[in-house]
């Protein structure tokens, strides 16, 4: 008798994505601020520091995924990686904001901080692939789209918690915010360990070797018969370049260049006052602007979370390519409104629209890639998807940072930058034949 997916198990597995989302959301919003305000790093340099996780992910996700496919222990094949690395990453992350407090803002402190971030990223990178792989382990192919929506819903809830609660606390008390994020990961690990028994719950005890990640597909993608796969992957590359820039640097932009901050700097006549009362006043305004940015991103995440599950059904109804194009149109409008300052008058509606639109894009992207191959190619196609999405995350932070430094140190350039890459993604989607199997001629 064919086994069905347990959505209770999928929901509990979603706590793993919830914990990781809490940590990464705070990481992406607060680490650039620490690097800029405590150590005075230029945007381009901080972009490379922010790239540590992306560089590791592009190698660790497929390698650890293949490794976990080919082992079997008394607690399963994914859980050994999860329970041995996620707690380490959580504890190290909680220590990060204490480093400049213990060692001061000097070179030694910066080196220690970067080393700590490196090991946080190694720990989280090793665990990420097994957590991703647990979903298809527990879910038959025909139910993976709804399951993907549930998991993304939980991830969106984690981001929501950061932008509305944890991020606000971290604005005034970094150690507390980072400690809460680390504790969230530890709780998530405990929930997964207590609720998921791989030997009992996995649909198959061992995955077929034919489903392992095969990066020879990257080479073959450039031939004519793989045209649709190539264009969807290029679209993924472009839209993650755009999204990563805004997600990483929007709080930093608001901290340094919001309307309120610029007005106060103009009033004081300097961005680096020496008078204690003026320093306190500027710090207060910067903290309020940073908190506002995190709240706006929280609204974005809430809208994403609300539509995460319905987005999969919308994609099935309208077609995934059409749904993705509608979503891209929405995020293009969002960044244009931000670029022209209209968001300040349109308010949170801009971020609601952006979050809903991003759900249409994000939820339907991986299923679109997987639809272009047979079940035997799932591993290879998943590896290709993550290769392009993580490559975008490697390129974007230092690129937009370099552009900002070249433009005189203003991060406002990220809005037109994001708009250009979202448009390029939409252009690529026009060449995608949704559902075309790899190797089949275009209709």
Protein backbone atom coordinates (compact mmCIF):
# COMPACT_ATOMS: atom_id res chain seq x y z
CA UNK A 1 0.00 0.00 0.00
CA UNK A 2 1.35 3.42 -0.96
CA UNK A 3 2.31 5.54 2.00
CA UNK A 4 1.09 9.11 2.27
CA UNK A 5 2.95 12.07 3.68
CA UNK A 6 2.26 13.06 7.28
CA UNK A 7 1.69 16.80 7.30
CA UNK A 8 2.16 16.77 11.06
CA UNK A 9 5.70 15.50 10.45
CA UNK A 10 6.22 18.10 7.73
CA UNK A 11 5.08 20.83 10.11
CA UNK A 12 7.46 19.59 12.81
CA UNK A 13 10.26 19.37 10.25
CA UNK A 14 9.42 22.98 9.44
CA UNK A 15 10.74 23.95 12.88
CA UNK A 16 14.20 23.20 11.52
CA UNK A 17 13.63 25.77 8.78
CA UNK A 18 12.11 28.10 11.38
CA UNK A 19 15.22 27.99 13.59
CA UNK A 20 17.61 28.42 10.67
CA UNK A 21 15.50 31.29 9.32
CA UNK A 22 15.64 33.08 12.68
CA UNK A 23 19.42 32.81 12.77
CA UNK A 24 20.02 33.79 9.13
CA UNK A 25 17.57 36.68 9.17
CA UNK A 26 19.34 38.21 12.17
CA UNK A 27 22.72 37.35 10.65
CA UNK A 28 21.88 39.15 7.39
CA UNK A 29 20.41 42.22 9.07
CA UNK A 30 22.86 42.73 11.96
CA UNK A 31 26.28 41.48 10.84
CA UNK A 32 26.68 44.18 8.12
CA UNK A 33 25.82 46.82 10.72
CA UNK A 34 28.43 45.45 13.17
CA UNK A 35 31.06 45.38 10.42
CA UNK A 36 30.25 48.93 9.37
CA UNK A 37 29.68 50.68 12.70
CA UNK A 38 32.08 48.80 14.98
CA UNK A 39 34.96 48.03 12.60
CA UNK A 40 34.44 50.69 9.92
CA UNK A 41 34.64 48.23 7.02
CA UNK A 42 33.70 49.60 3.59
CA UNK A 43 30.61 48.08 2.02
CA UNK A 44 32.61 46.03 -0.50
CA UNK A 45 34.69 44.40 2.26
CA UNK A 46 31.64 43.68 4.41
CA UNK A 47 30.05 42.14 1.30
CA UNK A 48 32.87 39.61 1.11
CA UNK A 49 32.49 38.78 4.80
CA UNK A 50 28.77 38.27 4.20
CA UNK A 51 29.73 35.92 1.38
CA UNK A 52 31.28 33.31 3.68
CA UNK A 53 28.01 31.40 4.04
CA UNK A 54 27.28 31.50 0.31
CA UNK A 55 30.75 30.28 -0.69
CA UNK A 56 30.52 27.40 1.77
CA UNK A 57 26.92 26.60 0.82
CA UNK A 58 27.68 26.21 -2.87
CA UNK A 59 30.05 23.35 -2.00
CA UNK A 60 28.67 21.97 1.28
CA UNK A 61 25.02 21.58 0.20
CA UNK A 62 25.68 19.10 -2.65
CA UNK A 63 28.65 17.37 -0.99
CA UNK A 64 26.99 16.79 2.38
CA UNK A 65 23.75 15.88 0.62
CA UNK A 66 25.53 13.15 -1.34
CA UNK A 67 27.35 11.98 1.79
CA UNK A 68 24.12 11.74 3.79
CA UNK A 69 22.46 9.86 0.90
CA UNK A 70 25.03 7.11 1.25
CA UNK A 71 25.18 6.46 4.97
CA UNK A 72 22.74 4.82 7.35
CA UNK A 73 23.08 4.88 11.14
CA UNK A 74 20.85 3.78 13.95
CA UNK A 75 19.38 7.31 14.07
CA UNK A 76 19.10 7.65 10.30
CA UNK A 77 21.19 9.32 7.62
CA UNK A 78 20.28 13.01 8.05
CA UNK A 79 19.98 13.34 11.83
CA UNK A 80 23.67 12.65 12.60
CA UNK A 81 24.62 15.77 10.63
CA UNK A 82 21.81 17.86 12.12
CA UNK A 83 22.38 17.09 15.79
CA UNK A 84 26.18 17.35 15.55
CA UNK A 85 26.42 20.72 13.77
CA UNK A 86 23.31 22.87 14.33
CA UNK A 87 23.88 23.22 18.11
CA UNK A 88 27.53 24.21 17.51
CA UNK A 89 26.49 26.89 15.03
CA UNK A 90 23.81 28.19 17.41
CA UNK A 91 26.22 28.56 20.34
CA UNK A 92 28.92 30.22 18.24
CA UNK A 93 26.38 32.66 16.81
CA UNK A 94 25.32 33.68 20.32
CA UNK A 95 28.97 34.48 21.12
CA UNK A 96 29.52 36.73 18.05
CA UNK A 97 28.29 40.09 19.47
CA UNK A 98 30.40 39.60 22.59
CA UNK A 99 33.65 39.57 20.60
CA UNK A 100 33.92 43.37 20.06
CA UNK A 101 32.78 43.88 23.67
CA UNK A 102 35.52 41.59 24.98
CA UNK A 103 38.33 42.50 22.57
CA UNK A 104 37.40 46.01 21.44
CA UNK A 105 37.07 47.21 17.83
CA UNK A 106 40.66 46.50 16.72
CA UNK A 107 42.20 44.23 14.10
CA UNK A 108 42.55 41.24 16.44
CA UNK A 109 38.88 41.50 17.34
CA UNK A 110 37.88 41.65 13.66
CA UNK A 111 39.94 38.54 12.84
CA UNK A 112 38.38 36.63 15.74
CA UNK A 113 34.92 37.78 14.67
CA UNK A 114 35.47 36.62 11.07
CA UNK A 115 36.79 33.26 12.29
CA UNK A 116 33.73 32.85 14.51
CA UNK A 117 31.46 33.68 11.56
CA UNK A 118 33.36 31.17 9.43
CA UNK A 119 32.73 28.33 11.89
CA UNK A 120 29.09 29.40 12.33
CA UNK A 121 28.74 29.08 8.57
CA UNK A 122 30.51 25.72 8.42
CA UNK A 123 28.19 24.34 11.11
CA UNK A 124 25.05 25.72 9.51
CA UNK A 125 26.19 24.77 6.00
CA UNK A 126 26.75 21.13 6.94
CA UNK A 127 23.30 20.87 8.52
CA UNK A 128 21.40 22.73 5.78
CA UNK A 129 21.51 19.99 3.15
CA UNK A 130 20.31 17.17 5.45
CA UNK A 131 17.40 19.33 6.62
CA UNK A 132 16.48 20.11 3.01
CA UNK A 133 16.76 16.40 2.13
CA UNK A 134 14.50 15.32 4.98
CA UNK A 135 11.46 16.76 3.21
CA UNK A 136 11.66 14.53 0.10
CA UNK A 137 12.63 11.64 2.40
CA UNK A 138 9.27 12.00 4.15
CA UNK A 139 7.10 13.15 1.23
CA UNK A 140 6.17 11.36 -2.04
CA UNK A 141 6.84 13.34 -5.25
CA UNK A 142 3.21 14.27 -5.92
CA UNK A 143 2.89 15.99 -2.52
CA UNK A 144 6.18 17.91 -2.47
CA UNK A 145 4.78 21.23 -3.73
CA UNK A 146 2.29 21.63 -0.84
CA UNK A 147 4.99 20.37 1.55
CA UNK A 148 7.38 23.00 0.18
CA UNK A 149 4.74 25.62 0.94
CA UNK A 150 4.40 24.41 4.55
CA UNK A 151 8.16 24.49 5.07
CA UNK A 152 8.49 27.96 3.53
CA UNK A 153 5.61 29.08 5.75
CA UNK A 154 7.63 28.04 8.79
CA UNK A 155 10.75 29.72 7.43
CA UNK A 156 8.77 32.90 6.81
CA UNK A 157 7.50 32.77 10.39
CA UNK A 158 11.09 32.64 11.60
CA UNK A 159 11.99 35.74 9.59
CA UNK A 160 8.83 37.40 10.87
CA UNK A 161 9.86 36.79 14.47
CA UNK A 162 13.25 38.39 13.81
CA UNK A 163 11.95 41.50 12.08
CA UNK A 164 9.12 42.14 14.55
CA UNK A 165 10.60 40.98 17.86
CA UNK A 166 14.16 39.62 17.99
CA UNK A 167 15.56 42.21 15.56
CA UNK A 168 14.00 45.02 17.56
CA UNK A 169 15.63 43.72 20.74
CA UNK A 170 18.94 43.29 18.92
CA UNK A 171 18.84 46.92 17.78
CA UNK A 172 19.46 48.05 21.36
CA UNK A 173 20.98 44.84 22.81
CA UNK A 174 22.93 42.77 20.27
CA UNK A 175 23.96 39.98 22.71
CA UNK A 176 20.33 39.42 23.75
CA UNK A 177 19.09 39.26 20.16
CA UNK A 178 21.83 36.83 19.12
CA UNK A 179 21.24 34.68 22.21
CA UNK A 180 17.53 34.38 21.38
CA UNK A 181 18.36 33.40 17.79
CA UNK A 182 20.80 30.74 19.01
CA UNK A 183 18.25 29.40 21.48
CA UNK A 184 15.65 29.19 18.69
CA UNK A 185 17.96 26.90 16.73
CA UNK A 186 18.58 24.69 19.77
CA UNK A 187 14.83 24.38 20.40
CA UNK A 188 14.26 23.56 16.72
CA UNK A 189 16.84 20.76 16.89
CA UNK A 190 15.18 19.34 19.99
CA UNK A 191 11.74 19.35 18.32
CA UNK A 192 13.06 17.58 15.21
CA UNK A 193 14.95 14.95 17.21
CA UNK A 194 11.93 14.16 19.41
CA UNK A 195 9.35 14.15 16.61
CA UNK A 196 11.08 12.60 13.56
CA UNK A 197 12.40 9.07 13.55
CA UNK A 198 14.05 8.47 10.18
CA UNK A 199 14.07 4.69 10.51
CA UNK A 200 10.30 4.78 11.04
CA UNK A 201 9.16 7.82 9.04
CA UNK A 202 11.31 7.79 5.87
CA UNK A 203 9.42 6.56 2.80
CA UNK A 204 12.52 4.72 1.57
CA UNK A 205 15.34 3.40 3.71
CA UNK A 206 17.93 4.32 1.10
CA UNK A 207 17.82 6.71 -1.86
CA UNK A 208 18.62 5.39 -5.34
CA UNK A 209 22.11 6.23 -6.49
CA UNK A 210 20.63 7.73 -9.67
CA UNK A 211 19.18 10.58 -7.59
CA UNK A 212 22.51 11.90 -6.34
CA UNK A 213 23.62 15.38 -7.35
CA UNK A 214 25.33 15.31 -10.75
CA UNK A 215 27.00 18.57 -11.72
CA UNK A 216 27.78 17.34 -15.23
CA UNK A 217 24.32 18.73 -15.91
CA UNK A 218 25.84 22.22 -15.55
CA UNK A 219 27.94 21.59 -18.64
CA UNK A 220 25.11 20.10 -20.67
CA UNK A 221 22.75 22.98 -19.88
CA UNK A 222 24.47 25.13 -22.52
CA UNK A 223 23.33 22.90 -25.38
CA UNK A 224 20.12 23.75 -27.32
CA UNK A 225 17.99 20.90 -25.96
CA UNK A 226 18.42 22.22 -22.40
CA UNK A 227 17.31 25.75 -23.33
CA UNK A 228 14.39 26.07 -20.89
CA UNK A 229 16.43 24.70 -18.00
CA UNK A 230 19.21 27.17 -18.76
CA UNK A 231 16.85 30.15 -18.87
CA UNK A 232 15.02 29.26 -15.64
CA UNK A 233 18.38 28.87 -13.90
CA UNK A 234 19.59 32.23 -15.24
CA UNK A 235 16.32 33.78 -14.03
CA UNK A 236 16.90 32.26 -10.58
CA UNK A 237 20.45 33.63 -10.61
CA UNK A 238 19.27 37.15 -11.48
CA UNK A 239 16.35 37.37 -9.07
CA UNK A 240 18.44 36.11 -6.15
CA UNK A 241 21.11 38.70 -6.99
CA UNK A 242 18.39 41.35 -6.65
CA UNK A 243 16.72 39.92 -3.55
CA UNK A 244 19.97 39.25 -1.70
CA UNK A 245 21.07 42.88 -2.04
CA UNK A 246 17.89 44.24 -0.47
CA UNK A 247 17.70 41.59 2.25
CA UNK A 248 21.34 42.11 3.24
CA UNK A 249 21.69 45.89 3.07
CA UNK A 250 18.26 47.44 3.62
CA UNK A 251 18.69 47.64 7.45
CA UNK A 252 22.23 48.99 6.94
CA UNK A 253 20.89 51.58 4.49
CA UNK A 254 18.20 52.71 6.94
CA UNK A 255 20.70 52.79 9.82
CA UNK A 256 23.01 55.13 7.89
CA UNK A 257 20.88 56.90 5.28
CA UNK A 258 17.22 57.02 6.26
CA UNK A 259 15.42 60.34 5.84
CA UNK A 260 15.47 60.90 9.61
CA UNK A 261 19.20 60.16 9.86
CA UNK A 262 20.08 62.41 6.93
CA UNK A 263 17.95 65.23 8.33
CA UNK A 264 19.64 65.05 11.73
CA UNK A 265 23.12 64.89 10.16
CA UNK A 266 22.26 67.98 8.10
CA UNK A 267 21.07 69.72 11.27
CA UNK A 268 24.22 68.78 13.21
CA UNK A 269 26.49 69.55 10.26
CA UNK A 270 28.44 66.28 10.66
CA UNK A 271 27.91 62.52 10.57
CA UNK A 272 30.50 62.04 13.35
CA UNK A 273 29.67 64.47 16.16
CA UNK A 274 31.94 64.67 19.19
CA UNK A 275 29.46 66.20 21.64
CA UNK A 276 28.02 63.48 23.91
CA UNK A 277 24.44 64.70 23.65
CA UNK A 278 24.64 64.88 19.85
CA UNK A 279 26.16 61.40 19.68
CA UNK A 280 23.32 60.06 21.84
CA UNK A 281 20.72 61.83 19.69
CA UNK A 282 22.20 60.45 16.46
CA UNK A 283 22.46 56.94 17.92
CA UNK A 284 18.82 57.08 18.96
CA UNK A 285 17.69 58.09 15.47
CA UNK A 286 19.88 55.44 13.85
CA UNK A 287 18.46 52.75 16.14
CA UNK A 288 14.90 53.88 15.39
CA UNK A 289 15.60 53.77 11.64
CA UNK A 290 17.16 50.32 11.89
CA UNK A 291 14.16 49.08 13.88
CA UNK A 292 11.85 50.55 11.23
CA UNK A 293 13.74 48.70 8.49
CA UNK A 294 13.43 45.41 10.35
CA UNK A 295 9.72 46.06 10.90
CA UNK A 296 9.27 46.68 7.17
CA UNK A 297 11.10 43.46 6.35
CA UNK A 298 8.89 41.76 8.93
CA UNK A 299 5.81 42.93 7.04
CA UNK A 300 7.41 41.58 3.87
CA UNK A 301 7.99 38.21 5.57
CA UNK A 302 4.46 38.14 6.97
CA UNK A 303 2.99 38.70 3.51
CA UNK A 304 5.28 35.98 2.14
CA UNK A 305 4.24 33.60 4.89
CA UNK A 306 0.52 34.23 4.32
CA UNK A 307 0.79 33.36 0.62
CA UNK A 308 3.44 30.62 0.91
CA UNK A 309 0.99 27.71 0.84
CA UNK A 310 -1.59 29.24 -1.57
CA UNK A 311 1.23 30.24 -3.98
CA UNK A 312 1.80 26.59 -4.89
CA UNK A 313 -1.87 26.13 -5.77
CA UNK A 314 -1.89 29.42 -7.72
CA UNK A 315 1.09 28.15 -9.71
CA UNK A 316 -0.77 24.93 -10.48
CA UNK A 317 -3.85 26.90 -11.58
CA UNK A 318 -2.23 29.62 -13.71
CA UNK A 319 0.94 27.79 -14.68
CA UNK A 320 4.21 28.25 -12.86
CA UNK A 321 5.86 30.48 -15.48
CA UNK A 322 2.90 32.89 -15.55
CA UNK A 323 2.74 32.94 -11.75
CA UNK A 324 6.46 33.68 -11.48
CA UNK A 325 6.19 36.51 -14.04
CA UNK A 326 3.32 38.07 -12.08
CA UNK A 327 5.44 37.84 -8.92
CA UNK A 328 8.46 39.41 -10.62
CA UNK A 329 6.30 42.32 -11.81
CA UNK A 330 5.29 42.90 -8.19
CA UNK A 331 8.82 42.94 -6.77
CA UNK A 332 9.99 45.22 -9.61
CA UNK A 333 7.29 47.71 -8.64
CA UNK A 334 8.34 47.42 -4.98
CA UNK A 335 12.01 48.28 -5.58
CA UNK A 336 11.07 51.12 -7.93
CA UNK A 337 8.84 52.62 -5.25
CA UNK A 338 11.70 52.31 -2.77
CA UNK A 339 14.15 53.85 -5.25
CA UNK A 340 11.97 56.92 -5.76
CA UNK A 341 11.10 57.29 -2.09
CA UNK A 342 7.40 56.64 -2.69
CA UNK A 343 7.45 53.90 -0.05
CA UNK A 344 7.64 56.55 2.65
CA UNK A 345 4.18 57.79 1.63
CA UNK A 346 2.70 54.49 0.46
CA UNK A 347 3.72 52.94 3.80
CA UNK A 348 3.66 49.25 4.57
CA UNK A 349 1.51 48.44 1.52
CA UNK A 350 4.72 48.43 -0.54
CA UNK A 351 6.23 45.66 1.60
CA UNK A 352 2.96 43.71 1.69
CA UNK A 353 2.88 43.76 -2.12
CA UNK A 354 6.55 42.77 -2.23
CA UNK A 355 6.13 39.83 0.14
CA UNK A 356 3.08 38.48 -1.71
CA UNK A 357 4.89 38.84 -5.02
CA UNK A 358 8.05 37.16 -3.73
CA UNK A 359 5.98 34.17 -2.55
CA UNK A 360 4.66 33.69 -6.10
CA UNK A 361 8.24 33.66 -7.37
CA UNK A 362 10.01 31.69 -4.66
CA UNK A 363 7.50 28.91 -3.98
CA UNK A 364 7.19 28.01 -7.66
CA UNK A 365 10.85 28.21 -8.70
CA UNK A 366 12.23 24.88 -7.46
CA UNK A 367 9.16 22.89 -8.65
CA UNK A 368 9.59 24.50 -12.08
CA UNK A 369 13.18 23.25 -12.24
CA UNK A 370 12.22 19.78 -11.02
CA UNK A 371 9.42 19.56 -13.60
CA UNK A 372 12.05 19.63 -16.35
CA UNK A 373 13.40 16.20 -15.51
CA UNK A 374 12.37 12.73 -14.48
CA UNK A 375 12.27 11.47 -10.90
CA UNK A 376 15.72 9.97 -11.47
CA UNK A 377 17.08 13.51 -12.05
CA UNK A 378 15.70 15.10 -8.88
CA UNK A 379 19.09 15.15 -7.14
CA UNK A 380 20.90 16.64 -10.13
CA UNK A 381 18.24 19.29 -10.75
CA UNK A 382 18.10 20.24 -7.07
CA UNK A 383 21.89 20.61 -7.06
CA UNK A 384 21.73 22.86 -10.14
CA UNK A 385 19.00 24.99 -8.51
CA UNK A 386 21.10 25.56 -5.41
CA UNK A 387 24.23 26.16 -7.46
CA UNK A 388 22.63 29.12 -9.25
CA UNK A 389 20.84 30.52 -6.19
CA UNK A 390 23.94 30.33 -4.01
CA UNK A 391 26.16 31.68 -6.81
CA UNK A 392 23.89 34.73 -6.89
CA UNK A 393 24.34 35.16 -3.16
CA UNK A 394 28.11 35.04 -3.64
CA UNK A 395 28.08 37.67 -6.39
CA UNK A 396 25.58 40.14 -5.00
CA UNK A 397 26.89 41.45 -1.63
CA UNK A 398 30.38 42.45 -2.82
CA UNK A 399 29.03 43.70 -6.16
CA UNK A 400 26.42 46.01 -4.69
CA UNK A 401 28.91 46.97 -1.97
CA UNK A 402 31.50 47.94 -4.59
CA UNK A 403 28.89 49.95 -6.50
CA UNK A 404 27.85 51.71 -3.28
CA UNK A 405 31.47 52.56 -2.42
CA UNK A 406 32.07 53.81 -5.98
CA UNK A 407 28.94 55.96 -5.74
CA UNK A 408 30.37 57.76 -2.72
CA UNK A 409 29.39 55.37 0.05
CA UNK A 410 25.62 55.48 -0.48
CA UNK A 411 23.68 52.23 -0.31
CA UNK A 412 20.65 53.81 -2.01
CA UNK A 413 22.08 52.35 -5.24
CA UNK A 414 20.74 48.93 -4.21
CA UNK A 415 17.20 49.84 -5.29
CA UNK A 416 17.86 50.48 -9.00
CA UNK A 417 20.43 47.66 -8.85
CA UNK A 418 17.75 45.25 -7.64
CA UNK A 419 15.26 46.54 -10.19
CA UNK A 420 17.66 45.89 -13.10
CA UNK A 421 18.30 42.30 -12.04
CA UNK A 422 14.62 41.56 -11.42
CA UNK A 423 13.91 42.82 -14.97
CA UNK A 424 16.66 40.55 -16.33
CA UNK A 425 15.07 37.62 -14.49
CA UNK A 426 11.68 38.39 -16.03
CA UNK A 427 13.28 38.57 -19.49
CA UNK A 428 14.80 35.10 -19.00
CA UNK A 429 11.44 33.68 -17.87
CA UNK A 430 9.92 34.66 -21.22
CA UNK A 431 12.12 31.99 -22.84
CA UNK A 432 11.10 29.23 -20.41
CA UNK A 433 8.63 26.58 -21.55
CA UNK A 434 7.09 25.56 -18.25
CA UNK A 435 7.01 21.82 -17.72
CA UNK A 436 9.25 21.06 -20.71
CA UNK A 437 11.20 17.93 -19.90
CA UNK A 438 14.98 18.19 -20.13
CA UNK A 439 16.02 17.14 -23.59
CA UNK A 440 12.59 17.58 -25.19
CA UNK A 441 12.22 20.08 -28.03
CA UNK A 442 10.42 23.32 -27.29
CA UNK A 443 6.78 23.42 -28.22
